[in-house]
Amino acid sequence: MLSARSVGFHRCQTRLSGLLRYAKKMKITCDLYSEWISAIRQEFTKEGFDYSGLGDQDCAIQWQSWNRRIVPPGSRTIEKADTFSCPAELQAGLDGLEEAFTNGDNVKPWQSKLVDKVSYEDGLLNDYGVLHFHLGDTLEGNGYMKRTGPLLFAIVRDAAVYEIGVYGHGAWYELDILNIIDRNWPFLLDPVTIKAIDTAYSPKTKEEVKALRDANVCSIISLDSGRIVMPIGGGVATDGTSNDAVHSADYWAKFLCDADKLVIEHIEECIRKGTLPAKDYQVHLHATATEIAAIVEDKLRIIVWRKQA
């Protein structure tokens, strides 16, 4: 398994040297990747996270890992597994959480306090693709709901929440979690299903799952139905970093480096056509959850990515 650092993009070796394009005395400077990393470091500073020992790509990986634990806003439907049940004393807390999901409200108060720790890696999420939520019904002074021993285990997607069950705190390794997902929502496992092979080894107990996860070893698992799956959450690299976070950081590094060249070419074309004056330009990055744009002073906004509806 590759480590997060060995798989890092190393600042896009194919990028233009210095990302400077000269035409006569004109200089266009565009480095969207560096601006992205700078924004990440600013966010880390705001959160009080010490990133001094991290290189640029490791910062991107850490940021991606942190953000994949945060549930984005948006109204979602609720689906429950066939065996789902909630203790009566926790029903009010579950009702409040479900109302927040359906209304599109912030559900962070029900999540683990460790969500605030940038360096934290959630093993249940990285392995099984499952988030856990506390079921208290009282908002405390720290901004979180009162902690509960039993927790809701659920898979959260953009349009729906798939409630697997209420488990005791620490039940992160139960194999029946995957079997319940397979039985109720098999389509969630289709992207990680391995076909036309058998497996010589598959963990059979929660103790075996724990040992593998603690050792940062990704394993394929044979389910009761006979389906063989890779980690739903993407698994981890040998240093414990989320593989999904590594792949996402690599993707955006390449994307932004490629976008630099296209943005510069577009500005040069505008200058040739006379829609922009011939002079030096410093391009800046503007990114939201739905759009990434290159900003050229107040004269031009170049959309390089937009989230599809």
C-alpha atoms as a PDB file:
ATOM      1  CA  MET A   1       0.000   0.000   0.000  1.00  0.00           C
ATOM      2  CA  LEU A   2       1.385   3.378  -0.943  1.00  0.00           C
ATOM      3  CA  SER A   3       2.008   5.941   1.760  1.00  0.00           C
ATOM      4  CA  ALA A   4       0.471   9.387   1.581  1.00  0.00           C
ATOM      5  CA  ARG A   5       3.856  10.960   1.035  1.00  0.00           C
ATOM      6  CA  SER A   6       5.104   8.601  -1.659  1.00  0.00           C
ATOM      7  CA  VAL A   7       1.935   9.139  -3.640  1.00  0.00           C
ATOM      8  CA  GLY A   8       2.036  12.934  -3.298  1.00  0.00           C
ATOM      9  CA  PHE A   9       1.965  14.957  -6.447  1.00  0.00           C
ATOM     10  CA  HIS A  10       5.252  16.776  -5.692  1.00  0.00           C
ATOM     11  CA  ARG A  11       3.957  20.079  -6.881  1.00  0.00           C
ATOM     12  CA  CYS A  12       3.092  18.968 -10.408  1.00  0.00           C
ATOM     13  CA  GLN A  13       6.368  18.243 -12.118  1.00  0.00           C
ATOM     14  CA  THR A  14       4.881  18.954 -15.510  1.00  0.00           C
ATOM     15  CA  ARG A  15       3.828  22.515 -14.689  1.00  0.00           C
ATOM     16  CA  LEU A  16       5.333  25.429 -16.545  1.00  0.00           C
ATOM     17  CA  SER A  17       8.652  26.539 -15.054  1.00  0.00           C
ATOM     18  CA  GLY A  18       7.685  29.120 -12.473  1.00  0.00           C
ATOM     19  CA  LEU A  19       4.290  29.356 -14.173  1.00  0.00           C
ATOM     20  CA  LEU A  20       5.383  32.574 -15.836  1.00  0.00           C
ATOM     21  CA  ARG A  21       4.560  33.358 -19.448  1.00  0.00           C
ATOM     22  CA  TYR A  22       6.226  36.359 -21.024  1.00  0.00           C
ATOM     23  CA  ALA A  23       5.048  38.237 -24.080  1.00  0.00           C
ATOM     24  CA  LYS A  24       7.186  41.282 -24.789  1.00  0.00           C
ATOM     25  CA  LYS A  25       7.351  42.927 -21.336  1.00  0.00           C
ATOM     26  CA  MET A  26       4.120  41.422 -20.108  1.00  0.00           C
ATOM     27  CA  LYS A  27       4.138  38.912 -17.257  1.00  0.00           C
ATOM     28  CA  ILE A  28       1.195  36.733 -16.279  1.00  0.00           C
ATOM     29  CA  THR A  29       1.591  34.978 -12.937  1.00  0.00           C
ATOM     30  CA  CYS A  30      -0.835  32.164 -12.216  1.00  0.00           C
ATOM     31  CA  ASP A  31      -0.262  29.596  -9.457  1.00  0.00           C
ATOM     32  CA  LEU A  32      -3.677  28.325  -8.385  1.00  0.00           C
ATOM     33  CA  TYR A  33      -2.197  25.369  -6.510  1.00  0.00           C
ATOM     34  CA  SER A  34      -0.041  27.575  -4.276  1.00  0.00           C
ATOM     35  CA  GLU A  35      -3.025  29.823  -3.574  1.00  0.00           C
ATOM     36  CA  TRP A  36      -5.066  26.750  -2.622  1.00  0.00           C
ATOM     37  CA  ILE A  37      -2.358  25.582  -0.207  1.00  0.00           C
ATOM     38  CA  SER A  38      -2.125  29.081   1.253  1.00  0.00           C
ATOM     39  CA  ALA A  39      -5.883  29.086   1.884  1.00  0.00           C
ATOM     40  CA  ILE A  40      -5.605  25.684   3.584  1.00  0.00           C
ATOM     41  CA  ARG A  41      -2.808  26.942   5.848  1.00  0.00           C
ATOM     42  CA  GLN A  42      -4.901  29.975   6.757  1.00  0.00           C
ATOM     43  CA  GLU A  43      -7.806  27.691   7.679  1.00  0.00           C
ATOM     44  CA  PHE A  44      -5.492  25.525   9.774  1.00  0.00           C
ATOM     45  CA  THR A  45      -4.225  28.618  11.576  1.00  0.00           C
ATOM     46  CA  LYS A  46      -7.799  29.684  12.316  1.00  0.00           C
ATOM     47  CA  GLU A  47      -8.509  26.232  13.769  1.00  0.00           C
ATOM     48  CA  GLY A  48      -5.350  26.320  15.885  1.00  0.00           C
ATOM     49  CA  PHE A  49      -3.774  23.381  14.061  1.00  0.00           C
ATOM     50  CA  ASP A  50       0.034  23.252  13.916  1.00  0.00           C
ATOM     51  CA  TYR A  51       0.999  22.508  10.315  1.00  0.00           C
ATOM     52  CA  SER A  52       4.623  23.632  10.597  1.00  0.00           C
ATOM     53  CA  GLY A  53       5.943  20.133   9.903  1.00  0.00           C
ATOM     54  CA  LEU A  54       3.782  19.567   6.822  1.00  0.00           C
ATOM     55  CA  GLY A  55       4.795  20.160   3.230  1.00  0.00           C
ATOM     56  CA  ASP A  56       2.335  21.560   0.718  1.00  0.00           C
ATOM     57  CA  GLN A  57       0.903  18.255  -0.472  1.00  0.00           C
ATOM     58  CA  ASP A  58       0.700  16.835   3.053  1.00  0.00           C
ATOM     59  CA  CYS A  59      -1.291  19.935   4.011  1.00  0.00           C
ATOM     60  CA  ALA A  60      -3.687  19.208   1.157  1.00  0.00           C
ATOM     61  CA  ILE A  61      -4.028  15.574   2.226  1.00  0.00           C
ATOM     62  CA  GLN A  62      -4.660  16.512   5.873  1.00  0.00           C
ATOM     63  CA  TRP A  63      -7.246  19.083   4.819  1.00  0.00           C
ATOM     64  CA  GLN A  64      -9.059  16.593   2.595  1.00  0.00           C
ATOM     65  CA  SER A  65      -9.110  14.014   5.394  1.00  0.00           C
ATOM     66  CA  TRP A  66     -10.493  16.584   7.815  1.00  0.00           C
ATOM     67  CA  ASN A  67     -13.222  17.776   5.471  1.00  0.00           C
ATOM     68  CA  ARG A  68     -14.455  14.331   4.458  1.00  0.00           C
ATOM     69  CA  ARG A  69     -15.610  13.852   8.084  1.00  0.00           C
ATOM     70  CA  ILE A  70     -17.753  16.987   7.944  1.00  0.00           C
ATOM     71  CA  VAL A  71     -21.315  16.525   6.697  1.00  0.00           C
ATOM     72  CA  PRO A  72     -22.081  19.258   4.134  1.00  0.00           C
ATOM     73  CA  PRO A  73     -25.414  21.078   4.429  1.00  0.00           C
ATOM     74  CA  GLY A  74     -28.369  19.849   2.457  1.00  0.00           C
ATOM     75  CA  SER A  75     -31.769  18.252   2.988  1.00  0.00           C
ATOM     76  CA  ARG A  76     -31.663  14.445   3.090  1.00  0.00           C
ATOM     77  CA  THR A  77     -34.196  11.663   3.265  1.00  0.00           C
ATOM     78  CA  ILE A  78     -33.937   9.073   6.034  1.00  0.00           C
ATOM     79  CA  GLU A  79     -33.736   5.340   5.336  1.00  0.00           C
ATOM     80  CA  LYS A  80     -33.598   2.714   8.085  1.00  0.00           C
ATOM     81  CA  ALA A  81     -32.233  -0.808   7.987  1.00  0.00           C
ATOM     82  CA  ASP A  82     -34.631  -3.709   8.428  1.00  0.00           C
ATOM     83  CA  THR A  83     -33.219  -4.450  11.883  1.00  0.00           C
ATOM     84  CA  PHE A  84     -33.026  -0.819  13.021  1.00  0.00           C
ATOM     85  CA  SER A  85     -34.235   0.007  16.518  1.00  0.00           C
ATOM     86  CA  CYS A  86     -33.562   2.832  18.928  1.00  0.00           C
ATOM     87  CA  PRO A  87     -33.751   2.647  22.736  1.00  0.00           C
ATOM     88  CA  ALA A  88     -36.706   4.646  24.019  1.00  0.00           C
ATOM     89  CA  GLU A  89     -34.490   6.888  26.151  1.00  0.00           C
ATOM     90  CA  LEU A  90     -32.582   7.983  23.032  1.00  0.00           C
ATOM     91  CA  GLN A  91     -35.583   8.488  20.749  1.00  0.00           C
ATOM     92  CA  ALA A  92     -35.814  12.234  21.403  1.00  0.00           C
ATOM     93  CA  GLY A  93     -32.167  12.656  20.485  1.00  0.00           C
ATOM     94  CA  LEU A  94     -32.603  10.612  17.317  1.00  0.00           C
ATOM     95  CA  ASP A  95     -35.701  12.636  16.385  1.00  0.00           C
ATOM     96  CA  GLY A  96     -33.725  15.859  16.741  1.00  0.00           C
ATOM     97  CA  LEU A  97     -30.878  14.545  14.594  1.00  0.00           C
ATOM     98  CA  GLU A  98     -33.251  13.276  11.903  1.00  0.00           C
ATOM     99  CA  GLU A  99     -35.051  16.610  11.850  1.00  0.00           C
ATOM    100  CA  ALA A 100     -31.710  18.342  11.309  1.00  0.00           C
ATOM    101  CA  PHE A 101     -30.938  15.970   8.440  1.00  0.00           C
ATOM    102  CA  THR A 102     -34.284  16.461   6.709  1.00  0.00           C
ATOM    103  CA  ASN A 103     -34.182  20.253   7.191  1.00  0.00           C
ATOM    104  CA  GLY A 104     -30.630  20.492   5.898  1.00  0.00           C
ATOM    105  CA  ASP A 105     -29.341  21.883   9.191  1.00  0.00           C
ATOM    106  CA  ASN A 106     -25.813  21.552  10.568  1.00  0.00           C
ATOM    107  CA  VAL A 107     -25.442  18.118  12.200  1.00  0.00           C
ATOM    108  CA  LYS A 108     -21.978  18.718  13.624  1.00  0.00           C
ATOM    109  CA  PRO A 109     -23.388  19.064  17.208  1.00  0.00           C
ATOM    110  CA  TRP A 110     -24.275  15.350  17.094  1.00  0.00           C
ATOM    111  CA  GLN A 111     -20.844  14.279  15.802  1.00  0.00           C
ATOM    112  CA  SER A 112     -17.731  13.350  17.735  1.00  0.00           C
ATOM    113  CA  LYS A 113     -15.758  16.210  19.264  1.00  0.00           C
ATOM    114  CA  LEU A 114     -12.755  14.758  17.439  1.00  0.00           C
ATOM    115  CA  VAL A 115     -14.181  16.246  14.237  1.00  0.00           C
ATOM    116  CA  ASP A 116     -12.549  19.483  15.391  1.00  0.00           C
ATOM    117  CA  LYS A 117      -9.098  17.844  15.523  1.00  0.00           C
ATOM    118  CA  VAL A 118      -7.528  18.264  12.094  1.00  0.00           C
ATOM    119  CA  SER A 119      -5.028  15.425  12.575  1.00  0.00           C
ATOM    120  CA  TYR A 120      -7.663  12.873  13.644  1.00  0.00           C
ATOM    121  CA  GLU A 121      -8.355   9.875  11.404  1.00  0.00           C
ATOM    122  CA  ASP A 122     -11.739   8.149  11.768  1.00  0.00           C
ATOM    123  CA  GLY A 123     -11.122   4.415  11.368  1.00  0.00           C
ATOM    124  CA  LEU A 124     -14.820   3.544  11.060  1.00  0.00           C
ATOM    125  CA  LEU A 125     -15.227   6.052   8.238  1.00  0.00           C
ATOM    126  CA  ASN A 126     -11.981   5.135   6.474  1.00  0.00           C
ATOM    127  CA  ASP A 127     -12.746   1.422   6.552  1.00  0.00           C
ATOM    128  CA  TYR A 128     -16.528   0.986   6.475  1.00  0.00           C
ATOM    129  CA  GLY A 129     -17.533   4.423   5.148  1.00  0.00           C
ATOM    130  CA  VAL A 130     -19.739   4.902   8.216  1.00  0.00           C
ATOM    131  CA  LEU A 131     -20.137   7.998  10.406  1.00  0.00           C
ATOM    132  CA  HIS A 132     -21.318   7.890  14.011  1.00  0.00           C
ATOM    133  CA  PHE A 133     -23.546  10.363  15.840  1.00  0.00           C
ATOM    134  CA  HIS A 134     -24.346  10.932  19.505  1.00  0.00           C
ATOM    135  CA  LEU A 135     -28.032  10.908  20.395  1.00  0.00           C
ATOM    136  CA  GLY A 136     -28.261  13.456  23.181  1.00  0.00           C
ATOM    137  CA  ASP A 137     -31.125  15.964  23.109  1.00  0.00           C
ATOM    138  CA  THR A 138     -29.479  18.783  25.064  1.00  0.00           C
ATOM    139  CA  LEU A 139     -27.095  21.245  23.402  1.00  0.00           C
ATOM    140  CA  GLU A 140     -24.228  21.946  25.764  1.00  0.00           C
ATOM    141  CA  GLY A 141     -22.049  25.033  26.102  1.00  0.00           C
ATOM    142  CA  ASN A 142     -19.308  23.583  23.898  1.00  0.00           C
ATOM    143  CA  GLY A 143     -21.664  23.506  20.910  1.00  0.00           C
ATOM    144  CA  TYR A 144     -22.159  19.722  20.991  1.00  0.00           C
ATOM    145  CA  MET A 145     -25.140  17.675  22.046  1.00  0.00           C
ATOM    146  CA  LYS A 146     -24.854  15.835  25.329  1.00  0.00           C
ATOM    147  CA  ARG A 147     -22.690  12.765  24.785  1.00  0.00           C
ATOM    148  CA  THR A 148     -24.298   9.319  24.817  1.00  0.00           C
ATOM    149  CA  GLY A 149     -22.825   5.839  25.134  1.00  0.00           C
ATOM    150  CA  PRO A 150     -24.939   4.326  22.332  1.00  0.00           C
ATOM    151  CA  LEU A 151     -24.356   5.926  18.924  1.00  0.00           C
ATOM    152  CA  LEU A 152     -26.146   6.034  15.599  1.00  0.00           C
ATOM    153  CA  PHE A 153     -24.087   4.413  12.832  1.00  0.00           C
ATOM    154  CA  ALA A 154     -25.047   5.700   9.394  1.00  0.00           C
ATOM    155  CA  ILE A 155     -23.807   6.242   5.864  1.00  0.00           C
ATOM    156  CA  VAL A 156     -24.411   9.825   4.758  1.00  0.00           C
ATOM    157  CA  ARG A 157     -24.781  10.726   1.096  1.00  0.00           C
ATOM    158  CA  ASP A 158     -25.807  14.001  -0.544  1.00  0.00           C
ATOM    159  CA  ALA A 159     -29.481  13.071  -0.800  1.00  0.00           C
ATOM    160  CA  ALA A 160     -30.021  10.424   1.883  1.00  0.00           C
ATOM    161  CA  VAL A 161     -28.945   9.085   5.260  1.00  0.00           C
ATOM    162  CA  TYR A 162     -28.831   5.303   5.607  1.00  0.00           C
ATOM    163  CA  GLU A 163     -29.315   4.456   9.278  1.00  0.00           C
ATOM    164  CA  ILE A 164     -27.682   1.120  10.039  1.00  0.00           C
ATOM    165  CA  GLY A 165     -28.307   0.812  13.762  1.00  0.00           C
ATOM    166  CA  VAL A 166     -27.602   2.090  17.263  1.00  0.00           C
ATOM    167  CA  TYR A 167     -24.362   0.610  18.584  1.00  0.00           C
ATOM    168  CA  GLY A 168     -22.409   0.846  21.796  1.00  0.00           C
ATOM    169  CA  HIS A 169     -19.470   3.236  21.893  1.00  0.00           C
ATOM    170  CA  GLY A 170     -16.449   1.351  20.608  1.00  0.00           C
ATOM    171  CA  ALA A 171     -18.329  -1.046  18.328  1.00  0.00           C
ATOM    172  CA  TRP A 172     -16.258   0.205  15.397  1.00  0.00           C
ATOM    173  CA  TYR A 173     -15.242  -3.241  14.145  1.00  0.00           C
ATOM    174  CA  GLU A 174     -18.501  -5.200  13.968  1.00  0.00           C
ATOM    175  CA  LEU A 175     -18.790  -7.183  10.721  1.00  0.00           C
ATOM    176  CA  ASP A 176     -22.582  -7.139  10.843  1.00  0.00           C
ATOM    177  CA  ILE A 177     -22.405  -3.430   9.926  1.00  0.00           C
ATOM    178  CA  LEU A 178     -21.320  -4.426   6.420  1.00  0.00           C
ATOM    179  CA  ASN A 179     -23.818  -7.263   6.184  1.00  0.00           C
ATOM    180  CA  ILE A 180     -26.677  -4.920   7.114  1.00  0.00           C
ATOM    181  CA  ILE A 181     -25.573  -2.478   4.414  1.00  0.00           C
ATOM    182  CA  ASP A 182     -25.360  -5.326   1.903  1.00  0.00           C
ATOM    183  CA  ARG A 183     -28.811  -6.631   2.778  1.00  0.00           C
ATOM    184  CA  ASN A 184     -30.602  -3.269   2.772  1.00  0.00           C
ATOM    185  CA  TRP A 185     -28.752  -1.085   0.297  1.00  0.00           C
ATOM    186  CA  PRO A 186     -26.557  -3.330  -1.859  1.00  0.00           C
ATOM    187  CA  PHE A 187     -26.052  -0.532  -4.403  1.00  0.00           C
ATOM    188  CA  LEU A 188     -23.896   1.273  -1.839  1.00  0.00           C
ATOM    189  CA  LEU A 189     -21.421  -1.597  -2.076  1.00  0.00           C
ATOM    190  CA  ASP A 190     -21.395  -1.929  -5.858  1.00  0.00           C
ATOM    191  CA  PRO A 191     -18.487   0.518  -6.369  1.00  0.00           C
ATOM    192  CA  VAL A 192     -16.239  -1.504  -4.019  1.00  0.00           C
ATOM    193  CA  THR A 193     -17.369  -5.006  -4.985  1.00  0.00           C
ATOM    194  CA  ILE A 194     -14.728  -7.333  -6.410  1.00  0.00           C
ATOM    195  CA  LYS A 195     -16.145  -9.776  -8.935  1.00  0.00           C
ATOM    196  CA  ALA A 196     -14.897 -13.054 -10.400  1.00  0.00           C
ATOM    197  CA  ILE A 197     -12.376 -13.712  -7.614  1.00  0.00           C
ATOM    198  CA  ASP A 198     -12.317 -15.458  -4.297  1.00  0.00           C
ATOM    199  CA  THR A 199     -10.333 -14.461  -1.242  1.00  0.00           C
ATOM    200  CA  ALA A 200      -7.885 -16.654   0.588  1.00  0.00           C
ATOM    201  CA  TYR A 201      -8.308 -14.615   3.752  1.00  0.00           C
ATOM    202  CA  SER A 202     -11.117 -12.503   5.124  1.00  0.00           C
ATOM    203  CA  PRO A 203     -11.443 -11.351   8.737  1.00  0.00           C
ATOM    204  CA  LYS A 204     -14.077 -13.373  10.531  1.00  0.00           C
ATOM    205  CA  THR A 205     -14.272 -11.551  13.865  1.00  0.00           C
ATOM    206  CA  LYS A 206     -14.294  -7.998  15.133  1.00  0.00           C
ATOM    207  CA  GLU A 207     -10.975  -8.727  16.852  1.00  0.00           C
ATOM    208  CA  GLU A 208      -9.404  -9.535  13.481  1.00  0.00           C
ATOM    209  CA  VAL A 209     -10.896  -6.402  11.935  1.00  0.00           C
ATOM    210  CA  LYS A 210      -9.482  -4.340  14.810  1.00  0.00           C
ATOM    211  CA  ALA A 211      -6.012  -5.857  14.489  1.00  0.00           C
ATOM    212  CA  LEU A 212      -5.898  -5.093  10.761  1.00  0.00           C
ATOM    213  CA  ARG A 213      -7.243  -1.570  11.192  1.00  0.00           C
ATOM    214  CA  ASP A 214      -4.833  -0.783  14.030  1.00  0.00           C
ATOM    215  CA  ALA A 215      -1.960  -1.902  11.800  1.00  0.00           C
ATOM    216  CA  ASN A 216      -3.179   0.342   8.932  1.00  0.00           C
ATOM    217  CA  VAL A 217      -3.766  -2.712   6.760  1.00  0.00           C
ATOM    218  CA  CYS A 218      -6.561  -2.646   4.187  1.00  0.00           C
ATOM    219  CA  SER A 219      -8.327  -5.953   3.724  1.00  0.00           C
ATOM    220  CA  ILE A 220     -11.023  -7.285   1.456  1.00  0.00           C
ATOM    221  CA  ILE A 221     -13.970  -8.835   3.250  1.00  0.00           C
ATOM    222  CA  SER A 222     -16.260 -11.674   2.254  1.00  0.00           C
ATOM    223  CA  LEU A 223     -19.826 -10.928   3.377  1.00  0.00           C
ATOM    224  CA  ASP A 224     -22.560 -13.371   4.331  1.00  0.00           C
ATOM    225  CA  SER A 225     -24.109 -13.018   0.879  1.00  0.00           C
ATOM    226  CA  GLY A 226     -20.872 -14.093  -0.773  1.00  0.00           C
ATOM    227  CA  ARG A 227     -20.132 -10.581  -1.973  1.00  0.00           C
ATOM    228  CA  ILE A 228     -16.458  -9.587  -1.661  1.00  0.00           C
ATOM    229  CA  VAL A 229     -15.776  -5.931  -0.970  1.00  0.00           C
ATOM    230  CA  MET A 230     -12.878  -3.574  -0.617  1.00  0.00           C
ATOM    231  CA  PRO A 231     -13.047  -0.881   2.118  1.00  0.00           C
ATOM    232  CA  ILE A 232     -16.156   1.234   1.496  1.00  0.00           C
ATOM    233  CA  GLY A 233     -14.411   4.236   3.006  1.00  0.00           C
ATOM    234  CA  GLY A 234     -11.412   3.884   0.719  1.00  0.00           C
ATOM    235  CA  GLY A 235      -9.063   2.383   3.309  1.00  0.00           C
ATOM    236  CA  VAL A 236      -5.812   3.894   4.527  1.00  0.00           C
ATOM    237  CA  ALA A 237      -2.199   4.213   3.464  1.00  0.00           C
ATOM    238  CA  THR A 238       0.492   2.596   5.601  1.00  0.00           C
ATOM    239  CA  ASP A 239       0.863   5.787   7.662  1.00  0.00           C
ATOM    240  CA  GLY A 240      -2.845   5.721   8.558  1.00  0.00           C
ATOM    241  CA  THR A 241      -3.837   8.520   6.192  1.00  0.00           C
ATOM    242  CA  SER A 242      -7.143   8.178   4.375  1.00  0.00           C
ATOM    243  CA  ASN A 243      -6.602   6.854   0.851  1.00  0.00           C
ATOM    244  CA  ASP A 244      -9.567   8.882  -0.358  1.00  0.00           C
ATOM    245  CA  ALA A 245      -7.954  12.021   1.039  1.00  0.00           C
ATOM    246  CA  VAL A 246      -4.670  11.202  -0.719  1.00  0.00           C
ATOM    247  CA  HIS A 247      -6.365  10.556  -4.051  1.00  0.00           C
ATOM    248  CA  SER A 248      -8.469  13.706  -3.756  1.00  0.00           C
ATOM    249  CA  ALA A 249      -5.447  15.864  -2.907  1.00  0.00           C
ATOM    250  CA  ASP A 250      -3.551  14.409  -5.864  1.00  0.00           C
ATOM    251  CA  TYR A 251      -6.495  14.989  -8.194  1.00  0.00           C
ATOM    252  CA  TRP A 252      -6.905  18.653  -7.267  1.00  0.00           C
ATOM    253  CA  ALA A 253      -3.164  19.273  -7.402  1.00  0.00           C
ATOM    254  CA  LYS A 254      -3.069  18.049 -10.998  1.00  0.00           C
ATOM    255  CA  PHE A 255      -6.308  19.806 -11.871  1.00  0.00           C
ATOM    256  CA  LEU A 256      -5.120  23.186 -10.599  1.00  0.00           C
ATOM    257  CA  CYS A 257      -1.720  22.832 -12.249  1.00  0.00           C
ATOM    258  CA  ASP A 258      -3.374  22.015 -15.562  1.00  0.00           C
ATOM    259  CA  ALA A 259      -5.780  24.917 -15.091  1.00  0.00           C
ATOM    260  CA  ASP A 260      -2.847  27.352 -14.740  1.00  0.00           C
ATOM    261  CA  LYS A 261      -1.801  26.802 -18.328  1.00  0.00           C
ATOM    262  CA  LEU A 262      -5.354  27.142 -19.669  1.00  0.00           C
ATOM    263  CA  VAL A 263      -5.975  30.324 -17.676  1.00  0.00           C
ATOM    264  CA  ILE A 264      -2.757  31.926 -18.931  1.00  0.00           C
ATOM    265  CA  GLU A 265      -3.600  30.992 -22.509  1.00  0.00           C
ATOM    266  CA  HIS A 266      -7.085  32.475 -22.101  1.00  0.00           C
ATOM    267  CA  ILE A 267      -5.692  35.758 -20.756  1.00  0.00           C
ATOM    268  CA  GLU A 268      -3.200  35.939 -23.627  1.00  0.00           C
ATOM    269  CA  GLU A 269      -6.013  35.379 -26.099  1.00  0.00           C
ATOM    270  CA  CYS A 270      -8.032  38.188 -24.496  1.00  0.00           C
ATOM    271  CA  ILE A 271      -5.008  40.479 -24.804  1.00  0.00           C
ATOM    272  CA  ARG A 272      -4.578  39.567 -28.461  1.00  0.00           C
ATOM    273  CA  LYS A 273      -8.255  40.323 -29.100  1.00  0.00           C
ATOM    274  CA  GLY A 274      -7.994  43.617 -27.229  1.00  0.00           C
ATOM    275  CA  THR A 275     -10.526  42.761 -24.523  1.00  0.00           C
ATOM    276  CA  LEU A 276      -7.772  43.056 -21.907  1.00  0.00           C
ATOM    277  CA  PRO A 277      -4.966  45.640 -21.907  1.00  0.00           C
ATOM    278  CA  ALA A 278      -1.431  44.324 -22.418  1.00  0.00           C
ATOM    279  CA  LYS A 279       0.210  44.530 -18.999  1.00  0.00           C
ATOM    280  CA  ASP A 280       1.317  42.377 -16.066  1.00  0.00           C
ATOM    281  CA  TYR A 281      -1.372  40.251 -14.402  1.00  0.00           C
ATOM    282  CA  GLN A 282      -1.524  38.376 -11.104  1.00  0.00           C
ATOM    283  CA  VAL A 283      -4.228  35.701 -11.136  1.00  0.00           C
ATOM    284  CA  HIS A 284      -5.953  34.764  -7.887  1.00  0.00           C
ATOM    285  CA  LEU A 285      -7.958  31.715  -6.861  1.00  0.00           C
ATOM    286  CA  HIS A 286     -11.559  31.905  -5.682  1.00  0.00           C
ATOM    287  CA  ALA A 287     -13.027  28.581  -4.578  1.00  0.00           C
ATOM    288  CA  THR A 288     -16.333  27.546  -3.059  1.00  0.00           C
ATOM    289  CA  ALA A 289     -17.997  24.168  -2.621  1.00  0.00           C
ATOM    290  CA  THR A 290     -19.652  24.529  -6.014  1.00  0.00           C
ATOM    291  CA  GLU A 291     -17.214  26.551  -8.120  1.00  0.00           C
ATOM    292  CA  ILE A 292     -13.529  27.254  -8.688  1.00  0.00           C
ATOM    293  CA  ALA A 293     -12.595  30.424 -10.534  1.00  0.00           C
ATOM    294  CA  ALA A 294      -9.436  32.264 -11.567  1.00  0.00           C
ATOM    295  CA  ILE A 295      -9.832  35.985 -10.895  1.00  0.00           C
ATOM    296  CA  VAL A 296      -7.959  38.534 -13.018  1.00  0.00           C
ATOM    297  CA  GLU A 297      -8.204  41.798 -11.059  1.00  0.00           C
ATOM    298  CA  ASP A 298     -11.765  43.090 -11.502  1.00  0.00           C
ATOM    299  CA  LYS A 299     -11.655  42.515 -15.240  1.00  0.00           C
ATOM    300  CA  LEU A 300     -12.152  38.802 -15.769  1.00  0.00           C
ATOM    301  CA  ARG A 301     -13.519  35.768 -13.954  1.00  0.00           C
ATOM    302  CA  ILE A 302     -12.544  32.453 -15.517  1.00  0.00           C
ATOM    303  CA  ILE A 303     -14.542  29.441 -14.283  1.00  0.00           C
ATOM    304  CA  VAL A 304     -12.276  26.394 -14.249  1.00  0.00           C
ATOM    305  CA  TRP A 305     -14.634  24.024 -12.425  1.00  0.00           C
ATOM    306  CA  ARG A 306     -18.296  23.977 -11.495  1.00  0.00           C
ATOM    307  CA  LYS A 307     -20.116  21.273  -9.537  1.00  0.00           C
ATOM    308  CA  GLN A 308     -22.691  19.501 -11.613  1.00  0.00           C
ATOM    309  CA  ALA A 309     -26.245  19.563 -10.318  1.00  0.00           C
END
